[in-house]
Amino acid sequence: MSNNWITTAEAAATISKNSHHTVSLHHVQRLLHRGKIRTRSMQGGMIFLKWSDVQTTRVAADTGRNNHADKR
């Protein structure tokens, strides 16, 4: 796979770093469902995320963690 696509775990780590706080895998999934990050599916069910979308994604300090607000 090209360097233009990364895993959900790598995306969570990158968004966390760029946002200066921890962002959960669940929150990354929410961003995907909202169309904020483009995806590519591979055979076997593996999903990759567009690197350039992940690099530009930031989340506010009071969002993105595993807490009650994430479970709405």
N, C-alpha and C. Protein backbone atom coordinates (compact mmCIF):
# COMPACT_ATOMS: atom_id res chain seq x y z
N MET A 1 0.84 -1.18 0.00
CA MET A 1 0.00 0.00 0.00
C MET A 1 0.89 1.24 0.00
N SER A 2 0.47 2.22 -0.72
CA SER A 2 1.20 3.47 -0.84
C SER A 2 1.25 4.21 0.49
N ASN A 3 2.15 5.15 0.61
CA ASN A 3 2.25 5.97 1.82
C ASN A 3 1.09 6.95 1.97
N ASN A 4 0.18 6.98 0.98
CA ASN A 4 -0.96 7.89 1.04
C ASN A 4 -2.09 7.38 1.91
N TRP A 5 -2.01 6.14 2.40
CA TRP A 5 -3.07 5.51 3.17
C TRP A 5 -2.51 4.93 4.46
N ILE A 6 -3.25 5.11 5.59
CA ILE A 6 -2.78 4.61 6.88
C ILE A 6 -3.92 3.89 7.61
N THR A 7 -3.60 3.19 8.69
CA THR A 7 -4.60 2.47 9.46
C THR A 7 -5.32 3.42 10.43
N THR A 8 -6.42 2.94 10.99
CA THR A 8 -7.18 3.73 11.95
C THR A 8 -6.34 4.03 13.19
N ALA A 9 -5.56 3.06 13.65
CA ALA A 9 -4.71 3.27 14.82
C ALA A 9 -3.65 4.36 14.54
N GLU A 10 -3.06 4.32 13.36
CA GLU A 10 -2.08 5.36 12.99
C GLU A 10 -2.76 6.72 12.90
N ALA A 11 -3.99 6.74 12.40
CA ALA A 11 -4.74 7.99 12.29
C ALA A 11 -5.02 8.57 13.68
N ALA A 12 -5.44 7.72 14.61
CA ALA A 12 -5.72 8.18 15.97
C ALA A 12 -4.47 8.78 16.60
N ALA A 13 -3.34 8.14 16.40
CA ALA A 13 -2.08 8.64 16.95
C ALA A 13 -1.71 9.99 16.32
N THR A 14 -1.88 10.12 15.02
CA THR A 14 -1.54 11.35 14.32
C THR A 14 -2.47 12.50 14.73
N ILE A 15 -3.77 12.22 14.78
CA ILE A 15 -4.73 13.25 15.17
C ILE A 15 -4.49 13.66 16.62
N SER A 16 -4.18 12.70 17.48
CA SER A 16 -3.87 13.01 18.87
C SER A 16 -2.66 13.94 18.97
N LYS A 17 -1.63 13.63 18.23
CA LYS A 17 -0.42 14.45 18.23
C LYS A 17 -0.72 15.87 17.73
N ASN A 18 -1.45 15.96 16.64
CA ASN A 18 -1.75 17.27 16.05
C ASN A 18 -2.73 18.08 16.88
N SER A 19 -3.58 17.39 17.66
CA SER A 19 -4.58 18.07 18.49
C SER A 19 -4.09 18.32 19.91
N HIS A 20 -2.93 17.77 20.25
CA HIS A 20 -2.29 17.95 21.57
C HIS A 20 -3.09 17.33 22.72
N HIS A 21 -3.85 16.28 22.41
CA HIS A 21 -4.54 15.48 23.43
C HIS A 21 -4.95 14.15 22.81
N THR A 22 -5.27 13.18 23.65
CA THR A 22 -5.60 11.84 23.18
C THR A 22 -6.94 11.81 22.46
N VAL A 23 -6.95 11.18 21.29
CA VAL A 23 -8.16 10.99 20.51
C VAL A 23 -8.37 9.48 20.38
N SER A 24 -9.56 9.01 20.73
CA SER A 24 -9.85 7.58 20.73
C SER A 24 -10.10 7.04 19.32
N LEU A 25 -9.96 5.73 19.19
CA LEU A 25 -10.29 5.06 17.93
C LEU A 25 -11.77 5.26 17.61
N HIS A 26 -12.61 5.25 18.64
CA HIS A 26 -14.04 5.46 18.45
C HIS A 26 -14.31 6.83 17.82
N HIS A 27 -13.60 7.85 18.28
CA HIS A 27 -13.80 9.18 17.72
C HIS A 27 -13.33 9.25 16.27
N VAL A 28 -12.26 8.56 15.95
CA VAL A 28 -11.80 8.50 14.55
C VAL A 28 -12.89 7.86 13.69
N GLN A 29 -13.53 6.80 14.19
CA GLN A 29 -14.63 6.16 13.47
C GLN A 29 -15.78 7.15 13.25
N ARG A 30 -16.07 7.97 14.24
CA ARG A 30 -17.12 8.98 14.09
C ARG A 30 -16.76 9.97 12.98
N LEU A 31 -15.49 10.36 12.92
CA LEU A 31 -15.05 11.28 11.85
C LEU A 31 -15.22 10.63 10.47
N LEU A 32 -14.94 9.33 10.39
CA LEU A 32 -15.11 8.61 9.13
C LEU A 32 -16.57 8.62 8.70
N HIS A 33 -17.45 8.31 9.63
CA HIS A 33 -18.88 8.26 9.32
C HIS A 33 -19.44 9.63 8.94
N ARG A 34 -18.83 10.67 9.43
CA ARG A 34 -19.26 12.04 9.09
C ARG A 34 -18.63 12.53 7.78
N GLY A 35 -17.78 11.72 7.18
CA GLY A 35 -17.17 12.08 5.91
C GLY A 35 -16.00 13.03 6.01
N LYS A 36 -15.42 13.16 7.21
CA LYS A 36 -14.30 14.08 7.41
C LYS A 36 -12.98 13.50 6.89
N ILE A 37 -12.90 12.15 6.83
CA ILE A 37 -11.69 11.47 6.38
C ILE A 37 -12.09 10.43 5.33
N ARG A 38 -11.44 10.47 4.18
CA ARG A 38 -11.74 9.49 3.13
C ARG A 38 -11.11 8.16 3.46
N THR A 39 -11.76 7.09 2.98
CA THR A 39 -11.29 5.73 3.25
C THR A 39 -11.14 4.93 1.97
N ARG A 40 -10.41 3.83 2.10
CA ARG A 40 -10.27 2.84 1.03
C ARG A 40 -10.37 1.47 1.69
N SER A 41 -11.26 0.64 1.18
CA SER A 41 -11.43 -0.71 1.71
C SER A 41 -10.66 -1.69 0.85
N MET A 42 -10.04 -2.65 1.51
CA MET A 42 -9.29 -3.70 0.81
C MET A 42 -9.99 -5.04 1.03
N GLN A 43 -9.66 -6.02 0.21
CA GLN A 43 -10.21 -7.35 0.41
C GLN A 43 -9.82 -7.83 1.79
N GLY A 44 -10.71 -8.56 2.43
CA GLY A 44 -10.45 -9.03 3.78
C GLY A 44 -10.95 -8.07 4.84
N GLY A 45 -11.56 -6.96 4.43
CA GLY A 45 -12.17 -6.03 5.38
C GLY A 45 -11.25 -4.96 5.95
N MET A 46 -10.00 -4.91 5.51
CA MET A 46 -9.07 -3.89 6.02
C MET A 46 -9.45 -2.53 5.45
N ILE A 47 -9.49 -1.52 6.32
CA ILE A 47 -9.84 -0.16 5.90
C ILE A 47 -8.64 0.75 6.14
N PHE A 48 -8.33 1.54 5.13
CA PHE A 48 -7.24 2.51 5.22
C PHE A 48 -7.80 3.91 5.09
N LEU A 49 -7.15 4.87 5.74
CA LEU A 49 -7.58 6.25 5.75
C LEU A 49 -6.62 7.12 4.96
N LYS A 50 -7.16 8.13 4.30
CA LYS A 50 -6.36 9.03 3.46
C LYS A 50 -5.44 9.88 4.34
N TRP A 51 -4.15 9.74 4.13
CA TRP A 51 -3.13 10.43 4.93
C TRP A 51 -3.33 11.94 4.95
N SER A 52 -3.58 12.55 3.80
CA SER A 52 -3.72 14.01 3.76
C SER A 52 -4.93 14.49 4.57
N ASP A 53 -6.02 13.73 4.60
CA ASP A 53 -7.17 14.09 5.41
C ASP A 53 -6.84 14.00 6.90
N VAL A 54 -6.13 12.95 7.28
CA VAL A 54 -5.74 12.76 8.68
C VAL A 54 -4.80 13.88 9.12
N GLN A 55 -3.85 14.24 8.29
CA GLN A 55 -2.87 15.28 8.64
C GLN A 55 -3.52 16.62 8.93
N THR A 56 -4.63 16.92 8.26
CA THR A 56 -5.28 18.22 8.44
C THR A 56 -6.40 18.20 9.47
N THR A 57 -6.68 17.03 10.06
CA THR A 57 -7.76 16.90 11.03
C THR A 57 -7.29 17.25 12.44
N ARG A 58 -8.02 18.13 13.08
CA ARG A 58 -7.79 18.49 14.48
C ARG A 58 -9.12 18.36 15.20
N VAL A 59 -9.09 18.00 16.46
CA VAL A 59 -10.31 17.98 17.26
C VAL A 59 -10.10 18.84 18.49
N ALA A 60 -11.18 19.46 18.94
CA ALA A 60 -11.12 20.34 20.11
C ALA A 60 -10.73 19.56 21.35
N ALA A 61 -10.18 20.24 22.31
CA ALA A 61 -9.67 19.60 23.53
C ALA A 61 -10.75 18.89 24.33
N ASP A 62 -12.00 19.30 24.24
CA ASP A 62 -13.05 18.66 25.02
C ASP A 62 -13.77 17.55 24.25
N THR A 63 -13.23 17.12 23.10
CA THR A 63 -13.82 16.03 22.32
C THR A 63 -12.76 15.00 21.99
N GLY A 64 -13.20 13.84 21.54
CA GLY A 64 -12.26 12.85 21.04
C GLY A 64 -11.79 11.81 22.02
N ARG A 65 -12.17 11.93 23.30
CA ARG A 65 -11.76 10.94 24.30
C ARG A 65 -12.87 9.95 24.52
N ASN A 66 -12.55 8.83 25.16
CA ASN A 66 -13.55 7.83 25.55
C ASN A 66 -14.22 8.33 26.83
N ASN A 67 -15.32 9.03 26.68
CA ASN A 67 -16.08 9.49 27.84
C ASN A 67 -17.56 9.50 27.49
N HIS A 68 -18.39 9.99 28.37
CA HIS A 68 -19.82 9.98 28.13
C HIS A 68 -20.22 10.80 26.92
N ALA A 69 -19.54 11.88 26.63
CA ALA A 69 -19.87 12.71 25.47
C ALA A 69 -19.67 11.95 24.17
N ASP A 70 -18.72 11.00 24.14
CA ASP A 70 -18.45 10.21 22.94
C ASP A 70 -19.56 9.18 22.68
N LYS A 71 -20.40 8.91 23.66
CA LYS A 71 -21.39 7.85 23.54
C LYS A 71 -22.79 8.36 23.24
N ARG A 72 -22.91 9.61 22.83
CA ARG A 72 -24.22 10.17 22.47
C ARG A 72 -24.76 9.56 21.23
